[in-house]
Amino acid sequence: MPAKDNILTRTDDFIKWFLPKTEKFPRNYKFLFGDRMVQLQLDLLEHLIEAYYQEDTLATGSGVRPSCWSMFP
């Protein structure tokens, strides 16, 4: 376990735990539901990484809005 336990490591650990679980899904759900769940988790991790490394620019208010915010006016 890493010395610093933050949201990035926790999300990564969750994805590593969840991936083998999708292999046990029934065939009807494995490729549709399982792939969507994994893609959502990877998108979440990607956005968290972007936010983590843009923390300084967001604190000053001069940063680029994450792409996931485009759905909110």
PDB file of N, CA and C in Angstrom:
ATOM      1  N   MET A   1       0.838  -1.182   0.000  1.00  0.00           N
ATOM      2  CA  MET A   1       0.000   0.000   0.000  1.00  0.00           C
ATOM      3  C   MET A   1       0.880   1.241   0.000  1.00  0.00           C
ATOM      4  N   PRO A   2       0.584   2.213  -0.821  1.00  0.00           N
ATOM      5  CA  PRO A   2       1.387   3.429  -0.863  1.00  0.00           C
ATOM      6  C   PRO A   2       1.318   4.172   0.470  1.00  0.00           C
ATOM      7  N   ALA A   3       2.358   4.956   0.716  1.00  0.00           N
ATOM      8  CA  ALA A   3       2.402   5.713   1.963  1.00  0.00           C
ATOM      9  C   ALA A   3       1.304   6.768   2.000  1.00  0.00           C
ATOM     10  N   LYS A   4       1.044   7.407   0.873  1.00  0.00           N
ATOM     11  CA  LYS A   4       0.017   8.438   0.813  1.00  0.00           C
ATOM     12  C   LYS A   4      -1.239   7.827   0.197  1.00  0.00           C
ATOM     13  N   ASP A   5      -2.264   7.691   0.997  1.00  0.00           N
ATOM     14  CA  ASP A   5      -3.505   7.082   0.542  1.00  0.00           C
ATOM     15  C   ASP A   5      -4.470   8.199   0.153  1.00  0.00           C
ATOM     16  N   ASN A   6      -4.542   8.500  -1.146  1.00  0.00           N
ATOM     17  CA  ASN A   6      -5.427   9.565  -1.604  1.00  0.00           C
ATOM     18  C   ASN A   6      -6.481   8.984  -2.543  1.00  0.00           C
ATOM     19  N   ILE A   7      -7.284   9.855  -3.100  1.00  0.00           N
ATOM     20  CA  ILE A   7      -8.396   9.421  -3.955  1.00  0.00           C
ATOM     21  C   ILE A   7      -7.893   8.702  -5.209  1.00  0.00           C
ATOM     22  N   LEU A   8      -6.728   9.075  -5.710  1.00  0.00           N
ATOM     23  CA  LEU A   8      -6.209   8.416  -6.908  1.00  0.00           C
ATOM     24  C   LEU A   8      -5.837   6.962  -6.623  1.00  0.00           C
ATOM     25  N   THR A   9      -5.147   6.729  -5.523  1.00  0.00           N
ATOM     26  CA  THR A   9      -4.766   5.347  -5.203  1.00  0.00           C
ATOM     27  C   THR A   9      -5.982   4.517  -4.827  1.00  0.00           C
ATOM     28  N   ARG A  10      -6.943   5.122  -4.137  1.00  0.00           N
ATOM     29  CA  ARG A  10      -8.157   4.387  -3.762  1.00  0.00           C
ATOM     30  C   ARG A  10      -8.965   4.012  -5.004  1.00  0.00           C
ATOM     31  N   THR A  11      -9.074   4.926  -5.968  1.00  0.00           N
ATOM     32  CA  THR A  11      -9.811   4.636  -7.196  1.00  0.00           C
ATOM     33  C   THR A  11      -9.096   3.565  -8.006  1.00  0.00           C
ATOM     34  N   ASP A  12      -7.778   3.652  -8.071  1.00  0.00           N
ATOM     35  CA  ASP A  12      -6.996   2.648  -8.788  1.00  0.00           C
ATOM     36  C   ASP A  12      -7.162   1.274  -8.139  1.00  0.00           C
ATOM     37  N   ASP A  13      -7.125   1.231  -6.821  1.00  0.00           N
ATOM     38  CA  ASP A  13      -7.330  -0.040  -6.121  1.00  0.00           C
ATOM     39  C   ASP A  13      -8.725  -0.601  -6.384  1.00  0.00           C
ATOM     40  N   PHE A  14      -9.720   0.283  -6.420  1.00  0.00           N
ATOM     41  CA  PHE A  14     -11.083  -0.167  -6.697  1.00  0.00           C
ATOM     42  C   PHE A  14     -11.198  -0.761  -8.098  1.00  0.00           C
ATOM     43  N   ILE A  15     -10.574  -0.111  -9.076  1.00  0.00           N
ATOM     44  CA  ILE A  15     -10.625  -0.624 -10.452  1.00  0.00           C
ATOM     45  C   ILE A  15      -9.938  -1.982 -10.533  1.00  0.00           C
ATOM     46  N   LYS A  16      -8.784  -2.111  -9.871  1.00  0.00           N
ATOM     47  CA  LYS A  16      -8.072  -3.391  -9.873  1.00  0.00           C
ATOM     48  C   LYS A  16      -8.901  -4.485  -9.190  1.00  0.00           C
ATOM     49  N   TRP A  17      -9.673  -4.110  -8.185  1.00  0.00           N
ATOM     50  CA  TRP A  17     -10.538  -5.080  -7.511  1.00  0.00           C
ATOM     51  C   TRP A  17     -11.744  -5.434  -8.387  1.00  0.00           C
ATOM     52  N   PHE A  18     -12.277  -4.454  -9.112  1.00  0.00           N
ATOM     53  CA  PHE A  18     -13.516  -4.648  -9.863  1.00  0.00           C
ATOM     54  C   PHE A  18     -13.314  -5.406 -11.172  1.00  0.00           C
ATOM     55  N   LEU A  19     -12.179  -5.240 -11.830  1.00  0.00           N
ATOM     56  CA  LEU A  19     -11.955  -5.885 -13.128  1.00  0.00           C
ATOM     57  C   LEU A  19     -12.156  -7.396 -13.098  1.00  0.00           C
ATOM     58  N   PRO A  20     -11.603  -8.124 -12.144  1.00  0.00           N
ATOM     59  CA  PRO A  20     -11.870  -9.574 -12.129  1.00  0.00           C
ATOM     60  C   PRO A  20     -13.335  -9.913 -11.866  1.00  0.00           C
ATOM     61  N   LYS A  21     -14.044  -9.023 -11.194  1.00  0.00           N
ATOM     62  CA  LYS A  21     -15.464  -9.274 -10.913  1.00  0.00           C
ATOM     63  C   LYS A  21     -16.290  -9.267 -12.197  1.00  0.00           C
ATOM     64  N   THR A  22     -15.897  -8.458 -13.178  1.00  0.00           N
ATOM     65  CA  THR A  22     -16.659  -8.395 -14.423  1.00  0.00           C
ATOM     66  C   THR A  22     -16.534  -9.694 -15.220  1.00  0.00           C
ATOM     67  N   GLU A  23     -15.450 -10.426 -15.019  1.00  0.00           N
ATOM     68  CA  GLU A  23     -15.282 -11.695 -15.726  1.00  0.00           C
ATOM     69  C   GLU A  23     -16.291 -12.736 -15.269  1.00  0.00           C
ATOM     70  N   LYS A  24     -16.855 -12.538 -14.076  1.00  0.00           N
ATOM     71  CA  LYS A  24     -17.821 -13.488 -13.538  1.00  0.00           C
ATOM     72  C   LYS A  24     -19.258 -13.119 -13.869  1.00  0.00           C
ATOM     73  N   PHE A  25     -19.448 -11.997 -14.570  1.00  0.00           N
ATOM     74  CA  PHE A  25     -20.801 -11.611 -14.976  1.00  0.00           C
ATOM     75  C   PHE A  25     -21.337 -12.619 -15.979  1.00  0.00           C
ATOM     76  N   PRO A  26     -22.647 -12.815 -16.015  1.00  0.00           N
ATOM     77  CA  PRO A  26     -23.227 -13.667 -17.060  1.00  0.00           C
ATOM     78  C   PRO A  26     -22.926 -13.095 -18.446  1.00  0.00           C
ATOM     79  N   ARG A  27     -22.875 -13.963 -19.420  1.00  0.00           N
ATOM     80  CA  ARG A  27     -22.498 -13.557 -20.771  1.00  0.00           C
ATOM     81  C   ARG A  27     -23.367 -12.413 -21.292  1.00  0.00           C
ATOM     82  N   ASN A  28     -24.644 -12.402 -20.958  1.00  0.00           N
ATOM     83  CA  ASN A  28     -25.550 -11.343 -21.427  1.00  0.00           C
ATOM     84  C   ASN A  28     -25.137  -9.973 -20.916  1.00  0.00           C
ATOM     85  N   TYR A  29     -24.539  -9.920 -19.744  1.00  0.00           N
ATOM     86  CA  TYR A  29     -24.212  -8.647 -19.116  1.00  0.00           C
ATOM     87  C   TYR A  29     -22.732  -8.301 -19.163  1.00  0.00           C
ATOM     88  N   LYS A  30     -21.892  -9.307 -19.373  1.00  0.00           N
ATOM     89  CA  LYS A  30     -20.445  -9.090 -19.302  1.00  0.00           C
ATOM     90  C   LYS A  30     -19.968  -8.045 -20.302  1.00  0.00           C
ATOM     91  N   PHE A  31     -20.392  -8.139 -21.531  1.00  0.00           N
ATOM     92  CA  PHE A  31     -19.845  -7.269 -22.564  1.00  0.00           C
ATOM     93  C   PHE A  31     -20.564  -5.930 -22.629  1.00  0.00           C
ATOM     94  N   LEU A  32     -21.810  -5.888 -22.275  1.00  0.00           N
ATOM     95  CA  LEU A  32     -22.544  -4.627 -22.317  1.00  0.00           C
ATOM     96  C   LEU A  32     -22.384  -3.872 -21.004  1.00  0.00           C
ATOM     97  N   PHE A  33     -22.892  -4.446 -19.940  1.00  0.00           N
ATOM     98  CA  PHE A  33     -22.872  -3.783 -18.649  1.00  0.00           C
ATOM     99  C   PHE A  33     -21.457  -3.715 -18.070  1.00  0.00           C
ATOM    100  N   GLY A  34     -20.710  -4.795 -18.167  1.00  0.00           N
ATOM    101  CA  GLY A  34     -19.348  -4.838 -17.630  1.00  0.00           C
ATOM    102  C   GLY A  34     -18.434  -3.829 -18.297  1.00  0.00           C
ATOM    103  N   ASP A  35     -18.486  -3.764 -19.625  1.00  0.00           N
ATOM    104  CA  ASP A  35     -17.640  -2.803 -20.348  1.00  0.00           C
ATOM    105  C   ASP A  35     -18.009  -1.363 -20.023  1.00  0.00           C
ATOM    106  N   ARG A  36     -19.295  -1.098 -19.874  1.00  0.00           N
ATOM    107  CA  ARG A  36     -19.719   0.262 -19.523  1.00  0.00           C
ATOM    108  C   ARG A  36     -19.236   0.649 -18.136  1.00  0.00           C
ATOM    109  N   MET A  37     -19.345  -0.279 -17.195  1.00  0.00           N
ATOM    110  CA  MET A  37     -18.887   0.002 -15.828  1.00  0.00           C
ATOM    111  C   MET A  37     -17.380   0.267 -15.792  1.00  0.00           C
ATOM    112  N   VAL A  38     -16.624  -0.537 -16.502  1.00  0.00           N
ATOM    113  CA  VAL A  38     -15.178  -0.354 -16.530  1.00  0.00           C
ATOM    114  C   VAL A  38     -14.825   0.969 -17.206  1.00  0.00           C
ATOM    115  N   GLN A  39     -15.501   1.302 -18.293  1.00  0.00           N
ATOM    116  CA  GLN A  39     -15.232   2.571 -18.989  1.00  0.00           C
ATOM    117  C   GLN A  39     -15.558   3.766 -18.094  1.00  0.00           C
ATOM    118  N   LEU A  40     -16.653   3.689 -17.352  1.00  0.00           N
ATOM    119  CA  LEU A  40     -16.998   4.764 -16.423  1.00  0.00           C
ATOM    120  C   LEU A  40     -15.934   4.919 -15.335  1.00  0.00           C
ATOM    121  N   GLN A  41     -15.438   3.814 -14.840  1.00  0.00           N
ATOM    122  CA  GLN A  41     -14.407   3.873 -13.807  1.00  0.00           C
ATOM    123  C   GLN A  41     -13.114   4.475 -14.346  1.00  0.00           C
ATOM    124  N   LEU A  42     -12.746   4.094 -15.556  1.00  0.00           N
ATOM    125  CA  LEU A  42     -11.522   4.646 -16.143  1.00  0.00           C
ATOM    126  C   LEU A  42     -11.687   6.131 -16.464  1.00  0.00           C
ATOM    127  N   ASP A  43     -12.879   6.539 -16.901  1.00  0.00           N
ATOM    128  CA  ASP A  43     -13.144   7.962 -17.118  1.00  0.00           C
ATOM    129  C   ASP A  43     -13.052   8.739 -15.809  1.00  0.00           C
ATOM    130  N   LEU A  44     -13.590   8.162 -14.746  1.00  0.00           N
ATOM    131  CA  LEU A  44     -13.510   8.801 -13.440  1.00  0.00           C
ATOM    132  C   LEU A  44     -12.060   8.974 -13.015  1.00  0.00           C
ATOM    133  N   LEU A  45     -11.259   7.924 -13.175  1.00  0.00           N
ATOM    134  CA  LEU A  45      -9.849   8.009 -12.815  1.00  0.00           C
ATOM    135  C   LEU A  45      -9.136   9.067 -13.648  1.00  0.00           C
ATOM    136  N   GLU A  46      -9.454   9.135 -14.930  1.00  0.00           N
ATOM    137  CA  GLU A  46      -8.842  10.137 -15.799  1.00  0.00           C
ATOM    138  C   GLU A  46      -9.178  11.555 -15.337  1.00  0.00           C
ATOM    139  N   HIS A  47     -10.434  11.799 -15.002  1.00  0.00           N
ATOM    140  CA  HIS A  47     -10.841  13.130 -14.543  1.00  0.00           C
ATOM    141  C   HIS A  47     -10.229  13.465 -13.183  1.00  0.00           C
ATOM    142  N   LEU A  48     -10.101  12.472 -12.328  1.00  0.00           N
ATOM    143  CA  LEU A  48      -9.467  12.712 -11.027  1.00  0.00           C
ATOM    144  C   LEU A  48      -7.989  13.054 -11.190  1.00  0.00           C
ATOM    145  N   ILE A  49      -7.317  12.390 -12.126  1.00  0.00           N
ATOM    146  CA  ILE A  49      -5.908  12.695 -12.383  1.00  0.00           C
ATOM    147  C   ILE A  49      -5.770  14.112 -12.930  1.00  0.00           C
ATOM    148  N   GLU A  50      -6.648  14.486 -13.866  1.00  0.00           N
ATOM    149  CA  GLU A  50      -6.615  15.848 -14.397  1.00  0.00           C
ATOM    150  C   GLU A  50      -6.827  16.870 -13.283  1.00  0.00           C
ATOM    151  N   ALA A  51      -7.778  16.612 -12.416  1.00  0.00           N
ATOM    152  CA  ALA A  51      -8.072  17.546 -11.322  1.00  0.00           C
ATOM    153  C   ALA A  51      -6.918  17.598 -10.327  1.00  0.00           C
ATOM    154  N   TYR A  52      -6.293  16.473 -10.082  1.00  0.00           N
ATOM    155  CA  TYR A  52      -5.191  16.418  -9.128  1.00  0.00           C
ATOM    156  C   TYR A  52      -4.015  17.263  -9.599  1.00  0.00           C
ATOM    157  N   TYR A  53      -3.707  17.192 -10.884  1.00  0.00           N
ATOM    158  CA  TYR A  53      -2.561  17.927 -11.399  1.00  0.00           C
ATOM    159  C   TYR A  53      -2.896  19.361 -11.790  1.00  0.00           C
ATOM    160  N   GLN A  54      -4.167  19.721 -11.801  1.00  0.00           N
ATOM    161  CA  GLN A  54      -4.566  21.105 -12.071  1.00  0.00           C
ATOM    162  C   GLN A  54      -4.964  21.812 -10.785  1.00  0.00           C
ATOM    163  N   GLU A  55      -4.660  21.223  -9.655  1.00  0.00           N
ATOM    164  CA  GLU A  55      -5.092  21.766  -8.370  1.00  0.00           C
ATOM    165  C   GLU A  55      -4.608  23.204  -8.176  1.00  0.00           C
ATOM    166  N   ASP A  56      -3.375  23.493  -8.547  1.00  0.00           N
ATOM    167  CA  ASP A  56      -2.837  24.840  -8.362  1.00  0.00           C
ATOM    168  C   ASP A  56      -3.557  25.859  -9.235  1.00  0.00           C
ATOM    169  N   THR A  57      -3.850  25.503 -10.469  1.00  0.00           N
ATOM    170  CA  THR A  57      -4.510  26.461 -11.360  1.00  0.00           C
ATOM    171  C   THR A  57      -5.964  26.661 -10.981  1.00  0.00           C
ATOM    172  N   LEU A  58      -6.611  25.625 -10.451  1.00  0.00           N
ATOM    173  CA  LEU A  58      -8.008  25.772 -10.042  1.00  0.00           C
ATOM    174  C   LEU A  58      -8.122  26.637  -8.781  1.00  0.00           C
ATOM    175  N   ALA A  59      -7.112  26.576  -7.914  1.00  0.00           N
ATOM    176  CA  ALA A  59      -7.144  27.371  -6.697  1.00  0.00           C
ATOM    177  C   ALA A  59      -7.054  28.864  -7.008  1.00  0.00           C
ATOM    178  N   THR A  60      -6.338  29.213  -8.069  1.00  0.00           N
ATOM    179  CA  THR A  60      -6.210  30.621  -8.433  1.00  0.00           C
ATOM    180  C   THR A  60      -7.366  31.075  -9.310  1.00  0.00           C
ATOM    181  N   GLY A  61      -8.141  30.140  -9.824  1.00  0.00           N
ATOM    182  CA  GLY A  61      -9.284  30.498 -10.656  1.00  0.00           C
ATOM    183  C   GLY A  61      -8.937  30.677 -12.119  1.00  0.00           C
ATOM    184  N   SER A  62      -7.715  30.401 -12.494  1.00  0.00           N
ATOM    185  CA  SER A  62      -7.314  30.569 -13.893  1.00  0.00           C
ATOM    186  C   SER A  62      -6.992  29.221 -14.515  1.00  0.00           C
ATOM    187  N   GLY A  63      -7.949  28.333 -14.498  1.00  0.00           N
ATOM    188  CA  GLY A  63      -7.726  27.012 -15.071  1.00  0.00           C
ATOM    189  C   GLY A  63      -8.753  26.690 -16.123  1.00  0.00           C
ATOM    190  N   VAL A  64      -8.500  25.642 -16.830  1.00  0.00           N
ATOM    191  CA  VAL A  64      -9.429  25.167 -17.847  1.00  0.00           C
ATOM    192  C   VAL A  64     -10.451  24.289 -17.147  1.00  0.00           C
ATOM    193  N   ARG A  65     -11.708  24.476 -17.499  1.00  0.00           N
ATOM    194  CA  ARG A  65     -12.756  23.647 -16.909  1.00  0.00           C
ATOM    195  C   ARG A  65     -12.636  22.227 -17.431  1.00  0.00           C
ATOM    196  N   PRO A  66     -12.755  21.223 -16.561  1.00  0.00           N
ATOM    197  CA  PRO A  66     -12.725  19.837 -17.032  1.00  0.00           C
ATOM    198  C   PRO A  66     -13.857  19.581 -18.021  1.00  0.00           C
ATOM    199  N   SER A  67     -13.616  18.669 -18.951  1.00  0.00           N
ATOM    200  CA  SER A  67     -14.596  18.401 -20.004  1.00  0.00           C
ATOM    201  C   SER A  67     -15.910  17.860 -19.450  1.00  0.00           C
ATOM    202  N   CYS A  68     -15.872  17.235 -18.293  1.00  0.00           N
ATOM    203  CA  CYS A  68     -17.105  16.672 -17.727  1.00  0.00           C
ATOM    204  C   CYS A  68     -18.038  17.784 -17.241  1.00  0.00           C
ATOM    205  N   TRP A  69     -17.542  18.999 -17.072  1.00  0.00           N
ATOM    206  CA  TRP A  69     -18.381  20.115 -16.633  1.00  0.00           C
ATOM    207  C   TRP A  69     -19.191  20.724 -17.767  1.00  0.00           C
ATOM    208  N   SER A  70     -18.946  20.294 -18.988  1.00  0.00           N
ATOM    209  CA  SER A  70     -19.647  20.883 -20.126  1.00  0.00           C
ATOM    210  C   SER A  70     -21.139  20.584 -20.081  1.00  0.00           C
ATOM    211  N   MET A  71     -21.538  19.577 -19.333  1.00  0.00           N
ATOM    212  CA  MET A  71     -22.973  19.281 -19.266  1.00  0.00           C
ATOM    213  C   MET A  71     -23.687  20.174 -18.272  1.00  0.00           C
ATOM    214  N   PHE A  72     -22.942  20.959 -17.509  1.00  0.00           N
ATOM    215  CA  PHE A  72     -23.541  21.912 -16.572  1.00  0.00           C
ATOM    216  C   PHE A  72     -23.356  23.322 -17.089  1.00  0.00           C
ATOM    217  N   PRO A  73     -24.445  24.052 -17.285  1.00  0.00           N
ATOM    218  CA  PRO A  73     -24.316  25.428 -17.811  1.00  0.00           C
ATOM    219  C   PRO A  73     -23.722  26.383 -16.809  1.00  0.00           C
TER     220      PRO A  73
END
